[in-house]
Amino acid sequence: MAEFYTHGYHATAMSDLLRVTKLHKGSLYGAFGDKHQLFLTILQRYAQQRTTAAATDLRAPKPPILGIGHYLQRISRNAAGQRGCLLANTALELLPGNEEVAQIVDHTQREIQRELAGALDRARIQGLLSVPQNNTVVARYLFTVVEGLWELGRTTADERPLLEVVEMTMYGLR
């Protein structure tokens, strides 16, 4: 995962994968078929990790608006000084044109937005959300903020500017 994350799909050679996995070519091909199948397996695993982390933050037993804030803050801290999100990086590198990657990216985006919408639903029921827009639209907006945090994090190791974006985003929800 780290090799693809650091270099991207196209710039990662089979020799790099053999070196980091310490597998022989036959073993790697036997286990995964080829570089693309290995990449899809890694991307699916990363996508599941992102979805699980979002659900953990957004379903936490606290006021849902705090869960949303915690989720955005965690992303900010993880994104600062990093190379972005593997899913977003992959979408930029391989889409359009790769249907299998498109399905993984689309499914993950929908799942995270569904988790955000669920937290927004709970917040609205509890009277903690005042924006008039449909929660599906607000969830899409929040997801876009998350992707922007990953992008901004590529240009600064200082998490403060990212946390300022989170603060402004949360202010807009109240």
N, C-alpha and C. Protein backbone atom coordinates (compact mmCIF):
# COMPACT_ATOMS: atom_id res chain seq x y z
N MET A 1 0.83 -1.19 0.00
CA MET A 1 0.00 0.00 0.00
C MET A 1 0.88 1.25 0.00
N ALA A 2 1.91 1.25 0.83
CA ALA A 2 2.77 2.42 0.94
C ALA A 2 3.47 2.72 -0.38
N GLU A 3 3.84 1.69 -1.10
CA GLU A 3 4.53 1.89 -2.38
C GLU A 3 3.61 2.58 -3.39
N PHE A 4 2.39 2.11 -3.52
CA PHE A 4 1.42 2.74 -4.42
C PHE A 4 1.07 4.15 -3.92
N TYR A 5 0.93 4.31 -2.63
CA TYR A 5 0.60 5.61 -2.05
C TYR A 5 1.70 6.62 -2.35
N THR A 6 2.95 6.21 -2.21
CA THR A 6 4.08 7.11 -2.40
C THR A 6 4.31 7.45 -3.87
N HIS A 7 4.19 6.46 -4.75
CA HIS A 7 4.58 6.67 -6.14
C HIS A 7 3.42 6.70 -7.13
N GLY A 8 2.25 6.25 -6.73
CA GLY A 8 1.15 6.15 -7.66
C GLY A 8 1.17 4.82 -8.39
N TYR A 9 0.10 4.53 -9.08
CA TYR A 9 -0.03 3.24 -9.76
C TYR A 9 1.00 3.08 -10.88
N HIS A 10 1.02 4.03 -11.80
CA HIS A 10 1.86 3.88 -12.98
C HIS A 10 3.35 3.89 -12.65
N ALA A 11 3.76 4.67 -11.66
CA ALA A 11 5.19 4.78 -11.34
C ALA A 11 5.69 3.66 -10.43
N THR A 12 4.80 2.80 -9.99
CA THR A 12 5.21 1.67 -9.17
C THR A 12 5.47 0.47 -10.08
N ALA A 13 6.71 0.04 -10.09
CA ALA A 13 7.10 -1.08 -10.95
C ALA A 13 6.95 -2.41 -10.21
N MET A 14 6.83 -3.48 -10.97
CA MET A 14 6.77 -4.81 -10.36
C MET A 14 8.01 -5.07 -9.50
N SER A 15 9.16 -4.59 -9.94
CA SER A 15 10.39 -4.79 -9.15
C SER A 15 10.26 -4.10 -7.78
N ASP A 16 9.59 -2.95 -7.74
CA ASP A 16 9.36 -2.27 -6.45
C ASP A 16 8.46 -3.12 -5.56
N LEU A 17 7.43 -3.69 -6.14
CA LEU A 17 6.49 -4.51 -5.37
C LEU A 17 7.16 -5.78 -4.87
N LEU A 18 7.99 -6.37 -5.69
CA LEU A 18 8.71 -7.58 -5.26
C LEU A 18 9.66 -7.23 -4.11
N ARG A 19 10.32 -6.08 -4.20
CA ARG A 19 11.24 -5.67 -3.15
C ARG A 19 10.52 -5.43 -1.83
N VAL A 20 9.41 -4.70 -1.83
CA VAL A 20 8.73 -4.36 -0.57
C VAL A 20 7.96 -5.54 0.02
N THR A 21 7.47 -6.42 -0.84
CA THR A 21 6.73 -7.58 -0.32
C THR A 21 7.66 -8.74 0.03
N LYS A 22 8.88 -8.68 -0.50
CA LYS A 22 9.86 -9.76 -0.30
C LYS A 22 9.35 -11.09 -0.88
N LEU A 23 8.52 -10.98 -1.91
CA LEU A 23 8.01 -12.16 -2.60
C LEU A 23 8.75 -12.36 -3.92
N HIS A 24 8.76 -13.57 -4.38
CA HIS A 24 9.27 -13.86 -5.71
C HIS A 24 8.15 -13.58 -6.71
N LYS A 25 8.54 -13.32 -7.94
CA LYS A 25 7.58 -12.98 -8.98
C LYS A 25 6.46 -14.01 -9.07
N GLY A 26 6.81 -15.29 -9.06
CA GLY A 26 5.81 -16.34 -9.17
C GLY A 26 4.82 -16.33 -8.01
N SER A 27 5.32 -16.05 -6.82
CA SER A 27 4.44 -16.00 -5.65
C SER A 27 3.48 -14.82 -5.72
N LEU A 28 3.99 -13.66 -6.15
CA LEU A 28 3.14 -12.48 -6.26
C LEU A 28 2.07 -12.70 -7.32
N TYR A 29 2.48 -13.23 -8.47
CA TYR A 29 1.51 -13.51 -9.54
C TYR A 29 0.54 -14.60 -9.12
N GLY A 30 1.03 -15.60 -8.39
CA GLY A 30 0.16 -16.67 -7.92
C GLY A 30 -0.89 -16.18 -6.93
N ALA A 31 -0.50 -15.24 -6.08
CA ALA A 31 -1.43 -14.73 -5.06
C ALA A 31 -2.40 -13.70 -5.62
N PHE A 32 -1.94 -12.86 -6.55
CA PHE A 32 -2.77 -11.73 -6.99
C PHE A 32 -3.06 -11.70 -8.48
N GLY A 33 -2.36 -12.46 -9.26
CA GLY A 33 -2.57 -12.46 -10.70
C GLY A 33 -1.64 -11.51 -11.41
N ASP A 34 -1.75 -10.23 -11.12
CA ASP A 34 -0.88 -9.24 -11.74
C ASP A 34 -0.87 -7.97 -10.89
N LYS A 35 -0.11 -7.00 -11.34
CA LYS A 35 0.02 -5.73 -10.62
C LYS A 35 -1.35 -5.07 -10.42
N HIS A 36 -2.15 -5.09 -11.44
CA HIS A 36 -3.46 -4.41 -11.36
C HIS A 36 -4.37 -5.08 -10.33
N GLN A 37 -4.39 -6.40 -10.29
CA GLN A 37 -5.22 -7.10 -9.30
C GLN A 37 -4.70 -6.86 -7.89
N LEU A 38 -3.38 -6.82 -7.72
CA LEU A 38 -2.81 -6.49 -6.42
C LEU A 38 -3.24 -5.08 -6.01
N PHE A 39 -3.15 -4.15 -6.95
CA PHE A 39 -3.54 -2.78 -6.66
C PHE A 39 -5.01 -2.69 -6.28
N LEU A 40 -5.88 -3.38 -7.00
CA LEU A 40 -7.31 -3.36 -6.67
C LEU A 40 -7.55 -3.91 -5.26
N THR A 41 -6.83 -4.95 -4.88
CA THR A 41 -6.95 -5.52 -3.54
C THR A 41 -6.53 -4.50 -2.49
N ILE A 42 -5.42 -3.83 -2.74
CA ILE A 42 -4.92 -2.80 -1.81
C ILE A 42 -5.89 -1.63 -1.75
N LEU A 43 -6.37 -1.18 -2.89
CA LEU A 43 -7.30 -0.05 -2.92
C LEU A 43 -8.59 -0.39 -2.18
N GLN A 44 -9.08 -1.60 -2.36
CA GLN A 44 -10.30 -2.04 -1.66
C GLN A 44 -10.06 -2.05 -0.15
N ARG A 45 -8.90 -2.52 0.28
CA ARG A 45 -8.57 -2.55 1.70
C ARG A 45 -8.49 -1.12 2.26
N TYR A 46 -7.83 -0.23 1.54
CA TYR A 46 -7.73 1.16 1.96
C TYR A 46 -9.13 1.78 2.05
N ALA A 47 -9.95 1.52 1.06
CA ALA A 47 -11.32 2.05 1.04
C ALA A 47 -12.10 1.57 2.26
N GLN A 48 -11.96 0.30 2.60
CA GLN A 48 -12.65 -0.24 3.77
C GLN A 48 -12.14 0.43 5.05
N GLN A 49 -10.86 0.67 5.14
CA GLN A 49 -10.30 1.35 6.30
C GLN A 49 -10.87 2.76 6.43
N ARG A 50 -10.95 3.49 5.32
CA ARG A 50 -11.51 4.85 5.35
C ARG A 50 -12.97 4.83 5.76
N THR A 51 -13.74 3.89 5.22
CA THR A 51 -15.16 3.81 5.54
C THR A 51 -15.37 3.44 7.00
N THR A 52 -14.61 2.48 7.49
CA THR A 52 -14.71 2.06 8.89
C THR A 52 -14.34 3.20 9.83
N ALA A 53 -13.27 3.92 9.53
CA ALA A 53 -12.86 5.04 10.38
C ALA A 53 -13.93 6.13 10.40
N ALA A 54 -14.52 6.42 9.25
CA ALA A 54 -15.59 7.42 9.20
C ALA A 54 -16.78 6.97 10.04
N ALA A 55 -17.18 5.73 9.89
CA ALA A 55 -18.32 5.21 10.65
C ALA A 55 -18.05 5.25 12.15
N THR A 56 -16.83 4.92 12.55
CA THR A 56 -16.47 4.96 13.97
C THR A 56 -16.61 6.37 14.52
N ASP A 57 -16.11 7.36 13.80
CA ASP A 57 -16.22 8.76 14.24
C ASP A 57 -17.67 9.22 14.25
N LEU A 58 -18.39 8.90 13.20
CA LEU A 58 -19.73 9.47 13.01
C LEU A 58 -20.82 8.76 13.78
N ARG A 59 -20.56 7.56 14.24
CA ARG A 59 -21.56 6.82 15.03
C ARG A 59 -21.21 6.81 16.52
N ALA A 60 -20.19 7.53 16.91
CA ALA A 60 -19.74 7.54 18.31
C ALA A 60 -20.89 8.00 19.22
N PRO A 61 -20.92 7.47 20.45
CA PRO A 61 -22.01 7.82 21.36
C PRO A 61 -21.81 9.21 21.98
N LYS A 62 -21.95 10.21 21.15
CA LYS A 62 -21.86 11.60 21.57
C LYS A 62 -22.77 12.38 20.63
N PRO A 63 -23.01 13.64 20.91
CA PRO A 63 -23.84 14.39 19.96
C PRO A 63 -23.27 14.28 18.55
N PRO A 64 -24.11 14.00 17.57
CA PRO A 64 -23.63 13.74 16.22
C PRO A 64 -22.84 14.90 15.62
N ILE A 65 -23.14 16.10 15.99
CA ILE A 65 -22.41 17.24 15.45
C ILE A 65 -20.96 17.20 15.94
N LEU A 66 -20.75 16.69 17.17
CA LEU A 66 -19.40 16.53 17.69
C LEU A 66 -18.67 15.40 16.95
N GLY A 67 -19.40 14.36 16.59
CA GLY A 67 -18.82 13.28 15.80
C GLY A 67 -18.35 13.77 14.44
N ILE A 68 -19.15 14.62 13.82
CA ILE A 68 -18.76 15.20 12.53
C ILE A 68 -17.50 16.04 12.70
N GLY A 69 -17.48 16.87 13.74
CA GLY A 69 -16.31 17.69 14.01
C GLY A 69 -15.07 16.84 14.27
N HIS A 70 -15.24 15.77 15.05
CA HIS A 70 -14.11 14.88 15.34
C HIS A 70 -13.61 14.23 14.05
N TYR A 71 -14.51 13.80 13.20
CA TYR A 71 -14.14 13.18 11.93
C TYR A 71 -13.31 14.15 11.09
N LEU A 72 -13.79 15.38 10.95
CA LEU A 72 -13.08 16.37 10.15
C LEU A 72 -11.72 16.73 10.77
N GLN A 73 -11.66 16.82 12.07
CA GLN A 73 -10.39 17.11 12.75
C GLN A 73 -9.40 15.96 12.55
N ARG A 74 -9.88 14.74 12.66
CA ARG A 74 -8.99 13.59 12.45
C ARG A 74 -8.43 13.59 11.04
N ILE A 75 -9.27 13.87 10.06
CA ILE A 75 -8.80 13.94 8.68
C ILE A 75 -7.73 15.03 8.57
N SER A 76 -7.98 16.19 9.18
CA SER A 76 -7.01 17.29 9.12
C SER A 76 -5.66 16.88 9.67
N ARG A 77 -5.68 16.22 10.80
CA ARG A 77 -4.42 15.80 11.44
C ARG A 77 -3.72 14.73 10.61
N ASN A 78 -4.49 13.83 10.02
CA ASN A 78 -3.89 12.78 9.18
C ASN A 78 -3.39 13.33 7.85
N ALA A 79 -4.04 14.37 7.34
CA ALA A 79 -3.71 14.89 6.02
C ALA A 79 -2.51 15.81 6.01
N ALA A 80 -2.26 16.52 7.11
CA ALA A 80 -1.20 17.53 7.14
C ALA A 80 0.15 16.91 6.80
N GLY A 81 0.77 17.44 5.78
CA GLY A 81 2.10 17.00 5.37
C GLY A 81 2.15 15.67 4.66
N GLN A 82 1.02 15.16 4.23
CA GLN A 82 0.96 13.85 3.57
C GLN A 82 0.75 14.01 2.06
N ARG A 83 0.70 12.88 1.39
CA ARG A 83 0.54 12.86 -0.07
C ARG A 83 -0.92 12.78 -0.51
N GLY A 84 -1.84 13.08 0.38
CA GLY A 84 -3.24 13.03 0.01
C GLY A 84 -3.85 11.68 0.34
N CYS A 85 -5.01 11.46 -0.17
CA CYS A 85 -5.78 10.23 0.04
C CYS A 85 -5.52 9.28 -1.13
N LEU A 86 -5.24 8.02 -0.84
CA LEU A 86 -4.97 7.05 -1.91
C LEU A 86 -6.13 6.95 -2.88
N LEU A 87 -7.36 7.01 -2.38
CA LEU A 87 -8.52 6.94 -3.28
C LEU A 87 -8.58 8.15 -4.19
N ALA A 88 -8.40 9.34 -3.63
CA ALA A 88 -8.45 10.56 -4.45
C ALA A 88 -7.29 10.59 -5.44
N ASN A 89 -6.10 10.22 -4.97
CA ASN A 89 -4.93 10.18 -5.86
C ASN A 89 -5.17 9.21 -7.01
N THR A 90 -5.74 8.06 -6.69
CA THR A 90 -6.02 7.05 -7.71
C THR A 90 -7.06 7.54 -8.69
N ALA A 91 -8.11 8.21 -8.19
CA ALA A 91 -9.13 8.75 -9.07
C ALA A 91 -8.52 9.74 -10.06
N LEU A 92 -7.62 10.58 -9.57
CA LEU A 92 -6.99 11.55 -10.45
C LEU A 92 -6.07 10.87 -11.47
N GLU A 93 -5.42 9.79 -11.07
CA GLU A 93 -4.47 9.12 -11.96
C GLU A 93 -5.15 8.17 -12.95
N LEU A 94 -6.18 7.45 -12.52
CA LEU A 94 -6.72 6.36 -13.35
C LEU A 94 -8.14 6.58 -13.88
N LEU A 95 -8.80 7.63 -13.43
CA LEU A 95 -10.18 7.85 -13.89
C LEU A 95 -10.26 9.11 -14.74
N PRO A 96 -11.17 9.12 -15.69
CA PRO A 96 -11.97 7.98 -16.14
C PRO A 96 -11.11 6.98 -16.92
N GLY A 97 -11.66 5.80 -17.12
CA GLY A 97 -10.99 4.83 -17.94
C GLY A 97 -10.72 3.50 -17.29
N ASN A 98 -10.95 3.38 -15.99
CA ASN A 98 -10.73 2.10 -15.32
C ASN A 98 -11.98 1.79 -14.50
N GLU A 99 -12.82 0.95 -15.03
CA GLU A 99 -14.13 0.68 -14.43
C GLU A 99 -14.02 0.06 -13.04
N GLU A 100 -13.06 -0.83 -12.83
CA GLU A 100 -12.92 -1.48 -11.52
C GLU A 100 -12.53 -0.46 -10.45
N VAL A 101 -11.62 0.43 -10.77
CA VAL A 101 -11.23 1.49 -9.85
C VAL A 101 -12.41 2.43 -9.62
N ALA A 102 -13.11 2.77 -10.68
CA ALA A 102 -14.27 3.66 -10.57
C ALA A 102 -15.31 3.09 -9.60
N GLN A 103 -15.54 1.80 -9.65
CA GLN A 103 -16.52 1.17 -8.76
C GLN A 103 -16.08 1.28 -7.30
N ILE A 104 -14.80 1.05 -7.02
CA ILE A 104 -14.30 1.13 -5.65
C ILE A 104 -14.40 2.57 -5.14
N VAL A 105 -13.96 3.52 -5.95
CA VAL A 105 -13.99 4.92 -5.55
C VAL A 105 -15.43 5.38 -5.34
N ASP A 106 -16.30 5.09 -6.28
CA ASP A 106 -17.70 5.49 -6.18
C ASP A 106 -18.37 4.88 -4.95
N HIS A 107 -18.16 3.60 -4.73
CA HIS A 107 -18.77 2.93 -3.58
C HIS A 107 -18.30 3.57 -2.27
N THR A 108 -17.01 3.84 -2.17
CA THR A 108 -16.47 4.43 -0.95
C THR A 108 -17.01 5.83 -0.74
N GLN A 109 -17.06 6.62 -1.77
CA GLN A 109 -17.61 7.97 -1.65
C GLN A 109 -19.07 7.91 -1.18
N ARG A 110 -19.84 7.02 -1.77
CA ARG A 110 -21.26 6.90 -1.37
C ARG A 110 -21.39 6.45 0.08
N GLU A 111 -20.57 5.49 0.50
CA GLU A 111 -20.64 4.99 1.88
C GLU A 111 -20.28 6.07 2.89
N ILE A 112 -19.23 6.82 2.63
CA ILE A 112 -18.84 7.88 3.56
C ILE A 112 -19.90 8.97 3.58
N GLN A 113 -20.44 9.32 2.43
CA GLN A 113 -21.51 10.31 2.40
C GLN A 113 -22.76 9.80 3.12
N ARG A 114 -23.02 8.51 3.02
CA ARG A 114 -24.17 7.92 3.74
C ARG A 114 -23.96 8.03 5.24
N GLU A 115 -22.74 7.75 5.71
CA GLU A 115 -22.43 7.89 7.14
C GLU A 115 -22.58 9.34 7.59
N LEU A 116 -22.10 10.27 6.77
CA LEU A 116 -22.25 11.70 7.10
C LEU A 116 -23.72 12.09 7.14
N ALA A 117 -24.50 11.64 6.18
CA ALA A 117 -25.94 11.96 6.15
C ALA A 117 -26.64 11.38 7.37
N GLY A 118 -26.26 10.19 7.80
CA GLY A 118 -26.84 9.61 9.01
C GLY A 118 -26.56 10.45 10.24
N ALA A 119 -25.32 10.92 10.36
CA ALA A 119 -24.98 11.80 11.50
C ALA A 119 -25.75 13.11 11.40
N LEU A 120 -25.89 13.63 10.20
CA LEU A 120 -26.66 14.87 10.02
C LEU A 120 -28.14 14.65 10.36
N ASP A 121 -28.68 13.49 9.98
CA ASP A 121 -30.07 13.17 10.33
C ASP A 121 -30.25 13.19 11.85
N ARG A 122 -29.33 12.54 12.56
CA ARG A 122 -29.42 12.50 14.02
C ARG A 122 -29.27 13.89 14.62
N ALA A 123 -28.37 14.68 14.05
CA ALA A 123 -28.17 16.06 14.54
C ALA A 123 -29.42 16.90 14.31
N ARG A 124 -30.05 16.74 13.16
CA ARG A 124 -31.25 17.52 12.86
C ARG A 124 -32.39 17.12 13.81
N ILE A 125 -32.54 15.84 14.06
CA ILE A 125 -33.58 15.36 14.99
C ILE A 125 -33.36 15.93 16.39
N GLN A 126 -32.09 16.06 16.78
CA GLN A 126 -31.76 16.58 18.10
C GLN A 126 -31.75 18.11 18.15
N GLY A 127 -32.08 18.75 17.03
CA GLY A 127 -32.12 20.21 16.98
C GLY A 127 -30.75 20.87 16.94
N LEU A 128 -29.73 20.13 16.50
CA LEU A 128 -28.36 20.64 16.50
C LEU A 128 -27.90 21.12 15.13
N LEU A 129 -28.79 21.06 14.15
CA LEU A 129 -28.43 21.41 12.78
C LEU A 129 -29.46 22.39 12.25
N SER A 130 -28.98 23.53 11.79
CA SER A 130 -29.92 24.55 11.35
C SER A 130 -29.89 24.84 9.86
N VAL A 131 -28.96 24.25 9.13
CA VAL A 131 -28.90 24.53 7.69
C VAL A 131 -30.17 24.00 7.03
N PRO A 132 -30.72 24.76 6.08
CA PRO A 132 -31.99 24.33 5.48
C PRO A 132 -31.84 23.26 4.40
N GLN A 133 -30.64 23.04 3.90
CA GLN A 133 -30.44 22.10 2.80
C GLN A 133 -30.69 20.67 3.25
N ASN A 134 -31.06 19.85 2.28
CA ASN A 134 -31.25 18.43 2.46
C ASN A 134 -29.95 17.81 2.99
N ASN A 135 -30.07 16.86 3.91
CA ASN A 135 -28.89 16.25 4.52
C ASN A 135 -28.00 15.53 3.51
N THR A 136 -28.56 15.03 2.44
CA THR A 136 -27.76 14.40 1.40
C THR A 136 -26.85 15.41 0.74
N VAL A 137 -27.36 16.61 0.50
CA VAL A 137 -26.56 17.69 -0.09
C VAL A 137 -25.49 18.14 0.89
N VAL A 138 -25.84 18.28 2.15
CA VAL A 138 -24.87 18.70 3.16
C VAL A 138 -23.78 17.64 3.31
N ALA A 139 -24.15 16.36 3.27
CA ALA A 139 -23.17 15.28 3.36
C ALA A 139 -22.21 15.34 2.17
N ARG A 140 -22.73 15.62 0.99
CA ARG A 140 -21.87 15.74 -0.19
C ARG A 140 -20.91 16.92 -0.03
N TYR A 141 -21.41 18.02 0.51
CA TYR A 141 -20.57 19.18 0.80
C TYR A 141 -19.46 18.81 1.79
N LEU A 142 -19.82 18.13 2.87
CA LEU A 142 -18.82 17.74 3.87
C LEU A 142 -17.79 16.79 3.27
N PHE A 143 -18.24 15.88 2.43
CA PHE A 143 -17.29 14.98 1.77
C PHE A 143 -16.32 15.76 0.89
N THR A 144 -16.82 16.78 0.22
CA THR A 144 -15.97 17.63 -0.61
C THR A 144 -14.96 18.38 0.25
N VAL A 145 -15.38 18.83 1.43
CA VAL A 145 -14.45 19.46 2.37
C VAL A 145 -13.36 18.47 2.76
N VAL A 146 -13.75 17.23 3.05
CA VAL A 146 -12.76 16.20 3.43
C VAL A 146 -11.73 16.04 2.32
N GLU A 147 -12.17 15.92 1.09
CA GLU A 147 -11.24 15.75 -0.03
C GLU A 147 -10.35 16.99 -0.17
N GLY A 148 -10.91 18.16 0.08
CA GLY A 148 -10.11 19.39 0.05
C GLY A 148 -9.07 19.42 1.15
N LEU A 149 -9.40 18.89 2.32
CA LEU A 149 -8.43 18.81 3.42
C LEU A 149 -7.25 17.94 3.02
N TRP A 150 -7.55 16.80 2.37
CA TRP A 150 -6.46 15.94 1.90
C TRP A 150 -5.57 16.68 0.91
N GLU A 151 -6.18 17.43 0.02
CA GLU A 151 -5.42 18.18 -0.98
C GLU A 151 -4.59 19.28 -0.32
N LEU A 152 -5.18 20.04 0.57
CA LEU A 152 -4.47 21.10 1.28
C LEU A 152 -3.32 20.53 2.10
N GLY A 153 -3.54 19.37 2.69
CA GLY A 153 -2.51 18.73 3.48
C GLY A 153 -1.27 18.38 2.68
N ARG A 154 -1.41 18.25 1.39
CA ARG A 154 -0.25 17.95 0.53
C ARG A 154 0.72 19.12 0.49
N THR A 155 0.22 20.33 0.75
CA THR A 155 1.06 21.53 0.61
C THR A 155 1.55 22.09 1.94
N THR A 156 1.09 21.55 3.06
CA THR A 156 1.54 22.05 4.35
C THR A 156 1.56 20.93 5.38
N ALA A 157 2.61 20.92 6.18
CA ALA A 157 2.69 19.97 7.30
C ALA A 157 2.04 20.56 8.54
N ASP A 158 1.67 21.84 8.48
CA ASP A 158 1.04 22.53 9.60
C ASP A 158 -0.46 22.24 9.56
N GLU A 159 -0.96 21.59 10.60
CA GLU A 159 -2.38 21.22 10.59
C GLU A 159 -3.29 22.40 10.91
N ARG A 160 -2.73 23.51 11.40
CA ARG A 160 -3.59 24.65 11.78
C ARG A 160 -4.46 25.16 10.64
N PRO A 161 -3.94 25.36 9.42
CA PRO A 161 -4.83 25.84 8.35
C PRO A 161 -5.97 24.86 8.05
N LEU A 162 -5.68 23.58 8.17
CA LEU A 162 -6.71 22.58 7.93
C LEU A 162 -7.77 22.63 9.03
N LEU A 163 -7.32 22.76 10.26
CA LEU A 163 -8.27 22.85 11.38
C LEU A 163 -9.10 24.13 11.31
N GLU A 164 -8.54 25.20 10.74
CA GLU A 164 -9.32 26.42 10.54
C GLU A 164 -10.45 26.18 9.55
N VAL A 165 -10.18 25.39 8.51
CA VAL A 165 -11.23 25.03 7.55
C VAL A 165 -12.31 24.23 8.26
N VAL A 166 -11.91 23.31 9.13
CA VAL A 166 -12.88 22.52 9.89
C VAL A 166 -13.72 23.43 10.76
N GLU A 167 -13.08 24.36 11.45
CA GLU A 167 -13.82 25.28 12.32
C GLU A 167 -14.85 26.08 11.52
N MET A 168 -14.46 26.57 10.34
CA MET A 168 -15.38 27.31 9.50
C MET A 168 -16.52 26.42 9.00
N THR A 169 -16.20 25.20 8.65
CA THR A 169 -17.21 24.25 8.19
C THR A 169 -18.22 23.98 9.30
N MET A 170 -17.72 23.74 10.50
CA MET A 170 -18.61 23.44 11.62
C MET A 170 -19.46 24.67 11.97
N TYR A 171 -18.90 25.84 11.87
CA TYR A 171 -19.65 27.07 12.11
C TYR A 171 -20.83 27.16 11.13
N GLY A 172 -20.59 26.78 9.89
CA GLY A 172 -21.63 26.83 8.88
C GLY A 172 -22.77 25.84 9.11
N LEU A 173 -22.53 24.80 9.90
CA LEU A 173 -23.57 23.81 10.16
C LEU A 173 -24.53 24.24 11.26
N ARG A 174 -24.09 25.15 12.10
CA ARG A 174 -24.92 25.54 13.26
C ARG A 174 -25.92 26.59 12.94
